[in-house]
Amino acid sequence: MRNSTKKIVLTQKGEINKAVINMLGNCRFASDRVYVGYNRGSGRYISAHTAQGCVVSILQAEGFIFTTGNDAPRGGILGDFVKCSKVALEFLKKIKA
């Protein structure tokens, strides 16, 4: 892990930041994509969130090549994804675990 990535992911004590774990925990991992959009709440009080900023900043700091996009039929937030290599996916899963 590079120093620039450690600044994003680790706390001053050297532990993985809880906010980063929660953001990656809300992501769905596909074969070559990370779907970063998710919903919070229940019933009528649902709000849409995205973890794209966190995922993109980690991948940029580590030097991986990636692309972003949306494959939802009407462009909803649940279709937001980050397409990257399998090595980058394994790196993100390792941070999440």
N, C-alpha and C. Protein backbone atom coordinates (compact mmCIF):
# COMPACT_ATOMS: atom_id res chain seq x y z
N MET A 1 0.85 -1.17 0.00
CA MET A 1 0.00 0.00 0.00
C MET A 1 0.90 1.24 0.00
N ARG A 2 0.61 2.16 -0.87
CA ARG A 2 1.40 3.39 -0.97
C ARG A 2 1.09 4.33 0.18
N ASN A 3 1.98 5.29 0.40
CA ASN A 3 1.78 6.25 1.49
C ASN A 3 0.56 7.12 1.25
N SER A 4 0.30 7.49 0.00
CA SER A 4 -0.87 8.31 -0.29
C SER A 4 -2.16 7.55 0.00
N THR A 5 -2.15 6.24 -0.23
CA THR A 5 -3.32 5.42 0.10
C THR A 5 -3.47 5.26 1.60
N LYS A 6 -2.36 5.13 2.29
CA LYS A 6 -2.40 4.99 3.75
C LYS A 6 -3.00 6.23 4.40
N LYS A 7 -2.74 7.42 3.83
CA LYS A 7 -3.32 8.65 4.37
C LYS A 7 -4.84 8.65 4.25
N ILE A 8 -5.37 8.03 3.22
CA ILE A 8 -6.82 7.99 3.00
C ILE A 8 -7.45 6.88 3.86
N VAL A 9 -6.84 5.72 3.89
CA VAL A 9 -7.47 4.54 4.46
C VAL A 9 -7.21 4.38 5.96
N LEU A 10 -6.02 4.72 6.42
CA LEU A 10 -5.65 4.44 7.81
C LEU A 10 -5.88 5.64 8.72
N THR A 11 -6.14 5.35 9.99
CA THR A 11 -6.24 6.39 11.01
C THR A 11 -4.85 6.67 11.56
N GLN A 12 -4.74 7.58 12.52
CA GLN A 12 -3.44 7.89 13.11
C GLN A 12 -2.89 6.72 13.92
N LYS A 13 -3.78 5.87 14.44
CA LYS A 13 -3.35 4.69 15.19
C LYS A 13 -2.89 3.56 14.29
N GLY A 14 -3.12 3.68 12.99
CA GLY A 14 -2.71 2.65 12.05
C GLY A 14 -3.81 1.65 11.73
N GLU A 15 -5.02 1.89 12.20
CA GLU A 15 -6.16 1.02 11.91
C GLU A 15 -6.89 1.53 10.67
N ILE A 16 -7.66 0.65 10.06
CA ILE A 16 -8.42 1.06 8.88
C ILE A 16 -9.59 1.91 9.34
N ASN A 17 -9.80 3.02 8.66
CA ASN A 17 -10.85 3.97 9.00
C ASN A 17 -12.22 3.31 8.89
N LYS A 18 -13.07 3.52 9.90
CA LYS A 18 -14.39 2.90 9.92
C LYS A 18 -15.28 3.42 8.80
N ALA A 19 -15.14 4.68 8.43
CA ALA A 19 -15.94 5.25 7.35
C ALA A 19 -15.61 4.57 6.02
N VAL A 20 -14.35 4.26 5.80
CA VAL A 20 -13.94 3.58 4.56
C VAL A 20 -14.50 2.16 4.55
N ILE A 21 -14.46 1.47 5.68
CA ILE A 21 -15.01 0.12 5.76
C ILE A 21 -16.51 0.14 5.48
N ASN A 22 -17.22 1.11 6.05
CA ASN A 22 -18.66 1.20 5.83
C ASN A 22 -19.00 1.51 4.38
N MET A 23 -18.24 2.40 3.76
CA MET A 23 -18.49 2.74 2.36
C MET A 23 -18.24 1.53 1.45
N LEU A 24 -17.14 0.82 1.67
CA LEU A 24 -16.86 -0.35 0.86
C LEU A 24 -17.83 -1.48 1.18
N GLY A 25 -18.35 -1.51 2.40
CA GLY A 25 -19.34 -2.52 2.76
C GLY A 25 -20.66 -2.32 2.04
N ASN A 26 -20.97 -1.09 1.66
CA ASN A 26 -22.21 -0.79 0.93
C ASN A 26 -22.07 -1.03 -0.56
N CYS A 27 -20.86 -1.20 -1.05
CA CYS A 27 -20.63 -1.43 -2.48
C CYS A 27 -20.92 -2.88 -2.84
N ARG A 28 -21.35 -3.07 -4.10
CA ARG A 28 -21.56 -4.43 -4.62
C ARG A 28 -20.44 -4.70 -5.61
N PHE A 29 -19.78 -5.84 -5.44
CA PHE A 29 -18.66 -6.20 -6.30
C PHE A 29 -19.13 -7.20 -7.35
N ALA A 30 -18.95 -6.84 -8.63
CA ALA A 30 -19.28 -7.73 -9.74
C ALA A 30 -17.97 -8.26 -10.31
N SER A 31 -18.04 -8.89 -11.48
CA SER A 31 -16.84 -9.52 -12.05
C SER A 31 -15.73 -8.51 -12.34
N ASP A 32 -16.07 -7.36 -12.91
CA ASP A 32 -15.04 -6.36 -13.20
C ASP A 32 -15.49 -4.96 -12.78
N ARG A 33 -16.54 -4.88 -11.99
CA ARG A 33 -17.09 -3.58 -11.60
C ARG A 33 -17.38 -3.53 -10.11
N VAL A 34 -17.37 -2.31 -9.60
CA VAL A 34 -17.80 -2.04 -8.24
C VAL A 34 -18.98 -1.09 -8.35
N TYR A 35 -20.16 -1.55 -7.95
CA TYR A 35 -21.35 -0.69 -7.97
C TYR A 35 -21.35 0.11 -6.67
N VAL A 36 -21.29 1.43 -6.78
CA VAL A 36 -21.04 2.29 -5.63
C VAL A 36 -22.30 2.98 -5.11
N GLY A 37 -23.43 2.89 -5.78
CA GLY A 37 -24.66 3.53 -5.32
C GLY A 37 -25.42 2.64 -4.36
N TYR A 38 -26.04 3.24 -3.35
CA TYR A 38 -26.84 2.46 -2.41
C TYR A 38 -27.89 3.36 -1.78
N ASN A 39 -28.91 2.74 -1.20
CA ASN A 39 -30.00 3.46 -0.54
C ASN A 39 -29.92 3.26 0.96
N ARG A 40 -30.34 4.27 1.72
CA ARG A 40 -30.40 4.20 3.18
C ARG A 40 -31.81 4.60 3.61
N GLY A 41 -32.26 4.03 4.70
CA GLY A 41 -33.55 4.38 5.25
C GLY A 41 -34.55 3.26 5.04
N SER A 42 -35.81 3.54 5.36
CA SER A 42 -36.85 2.54 5.16
C SER A 42 -38.16 3.23 4.85
N GLY A 43 -38.99 2.50 4.12
CA GLY A 43 -40.31 3.01 3.79
C GLY A 43 -40.27 4.26 2.94
N ARG A 44 -40.94 5.28 3.43
CA ARG A 44 -41.05 6.51 2.69
C ARG A 44 -39.80 7.39 2.84
N TYR A 45 -38.98 7.10 3.81
CA TYR A 45 -37.82 7.94 4.13
C TYR A 45 -36.52 7.32 3.62
N ILE A 46 -36.45 7.11 2.35
CA ILE A 46 -35.27 6.53 1.72
C ILE A 46 -34.46 7.64 1.06
N SER A 47 -33.16 7.59 1.26
CA SER A 47 -32.28 8.54 0.59
C SER A 47 -31.19 7.78 -0.14
N ALA A 48 -30.76 8.30 -1.26
CA ALA A 48 -29.75 7.67 -2.10
C ALA A 48 -28.37 8.24 -1.75
N HIS A 49 -27.39 7.34 -1.69
CA HIS A 49 -26.01 7.73 -1.38
C HIS A 49 -25.07 7.06 -2.38
N THR A 50 -23.85 7.56 -2.41
CA THR A 50 -22.85 6.96 -3.28
C THR A 50 -21.50 6.93 -2.57
N ALA A 51 -20.74 5.89 -2.84
CA ALA A 51 -19.40 5.74 -2.30
C ALA A 51 -18.35 5.95 -3.39
N GLN A 52 -18.75 6.58 -4.47
CA GLN A 52 -17.86 6.74 -5.62
C GLN A 52 -16.63 7.58 -5.29
N GLY A 53 -16.79 8.63 -4.53
CA GLY A 53 -15.65 9.48 -4.18
C GLY A 53 -14.60 8.72 -3.39
N CYS A 54 -15.03 7.90 -2.46
CA CYS A 54 -14.10 7.11 -1.65
C CYS A 54 -13.36 6.09 -2.51
N VAL A 55 -14.10 5.34 -3.33
CA VAL A 55 -13.50 4.30 -4.16
C VAL A 55 -12.55 4.90 -5.17
N VAL A 56 -12.95 5.99 -5.81
CA VAL A 56 -12.11 6.63 -6.82
C VAL A 56 -10.84 7.19 -6.19
N SER A 57 -10.94 7.80 -5.02
CA SER A 57 -9.74 8.36 -4.38
C SER A 57 -8.76 7.27 -3.97
N ILE A 58 -9.27 6.13 -3.51
CA ILE A 58 -8.38 5.01 -3.15
C ILE A 58 -7.69 4.46 -4.39
N LEU A 59 -8.45 4.26 -5.46
CA LEU A 59 -7.86 3.72 -6.69
C LEU A 59 -6.85 4.68 -7.32
N GLN A 60 -7.13 5.98 -7.28
CA GLN A 60 -6.18 6.97 -7.81
C GLN A 60 -4.91 7.00 -6.98
N ALA A 61 -5.05 6.94 -5.67
CA ALA A 61 -3.88 7.00 -4.80
C ALA A 61 -2.99 5.78 -4.99
N GLU A 62 -3.60 4.64 -5.29
CA GLU A 62 -2.83 3.41 -5.48
C GLU A 62 -2.29 3.30 -6.91
N GLY A 63 -2.80 4.11 -7.83
CA GLY A 63 -2.27 4.14 -9.19
C GLY A 63 -2.95 3.17 -10.15
N PHE A 64 -4.15 2.70 -9.81
CA PHE A 64 -4.88 1.80 -10.71
C PHE A 64 -5.58 2.60 -11.80
N ILE A 65 -5.77 1.96 -12.95
CA ILE A 65 -6.50 2.56 -14.05
C ILE A 65 -7.95 2.09 -13.96
N PHE A 66 -8.90 3.02 -14.09
CA PHE A 66 -10.31 2.68 -13.94
C PHE A 66 -11.15 3.62 -14.78
N THR A 67 -12.41 3.26 -14.98
CA THR A 67 -13.38 4.13 -15.62
C THR A 67 -14.66 4.11 -14.79
N THR A 68 -15.43 5.18 -14.89
CA THR A 68 -16.70 5.25 -14.19
C THR A 68 -17.83 5.31 -15.20
N GLY A 69 -19.01 4.89 -14.77
CA GLY A 69 -20.15 4.92 -15.66
C GLY A 69 -21.43 4.61 -14.92
N ASN A 70 -22.51 4.49 -15.69
CA ASN A 70 -23.81 4.18 -15.14
C ASN A 70 -24.53 3.29 -16.14
N ASP A 71 -25.01 2.13 -15.68
CA ASP A 71 -25.70 1.22 -16.58
C ASP A 71 -27.17 1.02 -16.21
N ALA A 72 -27.71 1.90 -15.39
CA ALA A 72 -29.13 1.83 -15.06
C ALA A 72 -29.95 2.29 -16.27
N PRO A 73 -31.12 1.70 -16.49
CA PRO A 73 -31.91 2.06 -17.66
C PRO A 73 -32.29 3.54 -17.73
N ARG A 74 -32.59 4.13 -16.56
CA ARG A 74 -32.97 5.54 -16.56
C ARG A 74 -31.95 6.41 -15.84
N GLY A 75 -30.76 5.89 -15.63
CA GLY A 75 -29.70 6.68 -15.05
C GLY A 75 -29.77 6.85 -13.54
N GLY A 76 -30.37 5.90 -12.83
CA GLY A 76 -30.49 5.99 -11.38
C GLY A 76 -29.16 5.79 -10.68
N ILE A 77 -29.12 6.14 -9.41
CA ILE A 77 -27.88 6.09 -8.65
C ILE A 77 -27.41 4.66 -8.40
N LEU A 78 -28.32 3.68 -8.41
CA LEU A 78 -27.92 2.30 -8.18
C LEU A 78 -27.14 1.72 -9.36
N GLY A 79 -27.13 2.40 -10.49
CA GLY A 79 -26.38 1.94 -11.65
C GLY A 79 -24.97 2.51 -11.74
N ASP A 80 -24.60 3.41 -10.82
CA ASP A 80 -23.24 3.97 -10.84
C ASP A 80 -22.22 2.88 -10.56
N PHE A 81 -21.18 2.82 -11.37
CA PHE A 81 -20.15 1.82 -11.16
C PHE A 81 -18.77 2.38 -11.47
N VAL A 82 -17.77 1.68 -10.94
CA VAL A 82 -16.38 1.94 -11.25
C VAL A 82 -15.83 0.65 -11.84
N LYS A 83 -15.38 0.70 -13.09
CA LYS A 83 -14.85 -0.49 -13.76
C LYS A 83 -13.34 -0.48 -13.62
N CYS A 84 -12.80 -1.58 -13.09
CA CYS A 84 -11.36 -1.67 -12.87
C CYS A 84 -10.89 -3.11 -13.04
N SER A 85 -9.60 -3.32 -12.88
CA SER A 85 -9.02 -4.65 -13.07
C SER A 85 -9.33 -5.54 -11.87
N LYS A 86 -9.08 -6.83 -12.04
CA LYS A 86 -9.32 -7.77 -10.95
C LYS A 86 -8.36 -7.54 -9.79
N VAL A 87 -7.17 -7.07 -10.08
CA VAL A 87 -6.20 -6.76 -9.03
C VAL A 87 -6.72 -5.62 -8.16
N ALA A 88 -7.30 -4.61 -8.80
CA ALA A 88 -7.86 -3.49 -8.06
C ALA A 88 -9.07 -3.93 -7.24
N LEU A 89 -9.90 -4.82 -7.79
CA LEU A 89 -11.04 -5.34 -7.04
C LEU A 89 -10.59 -6.10 -5.81
N GLU A 90 -9.57 -6.93 -5.96
CA GLU A 90 -9.04 -7.68 -4.82
C GLU A 90 -8.44 -6.75 -3.77
N PHE A 91 -7.82 -5.66 -4.23
CA PHE A 91 -7.26 -4.67 -3.30
C PHE A 91 -8.37 -4.03 -2.46
N LEU A 92 -9.48 -3.66 -3.11
CA LEU A 92 -10.60 -3.06 -2.40
C LEU A 92 -11.25 -4.06 -1.45
N LYS A 93 -11.37 -5.31 -1.87
CA LYS A 93 -11.95 -6.35 -1.00
C LYS A 93 -11.07 -6.59 0.21
N LYS A 94 -9.75 -6.50 0.02
CA LYS A 94 -8.82 -6.70 1.12
C LYS A 94 -8.95 -5.57 2.15
N ILE A 95 -9.16 -4.35 1.70
CA ILE A 95 -9.38 -3.23 2.61
C ILE A 95 -10.69 -3.42 3.36
N LYS A 96 -11.70 -3.88 2.65
CA LYS A 96 -13.03 -4.09 3.25
C LYS A 96 -13.00 -5.15 4.34
N ALA A 97 -12.22 -6.20 4.15
CA ALA A 97 -12.19 -7.32 5.10
C ALA A 97 -11.37 -7.04 6.34
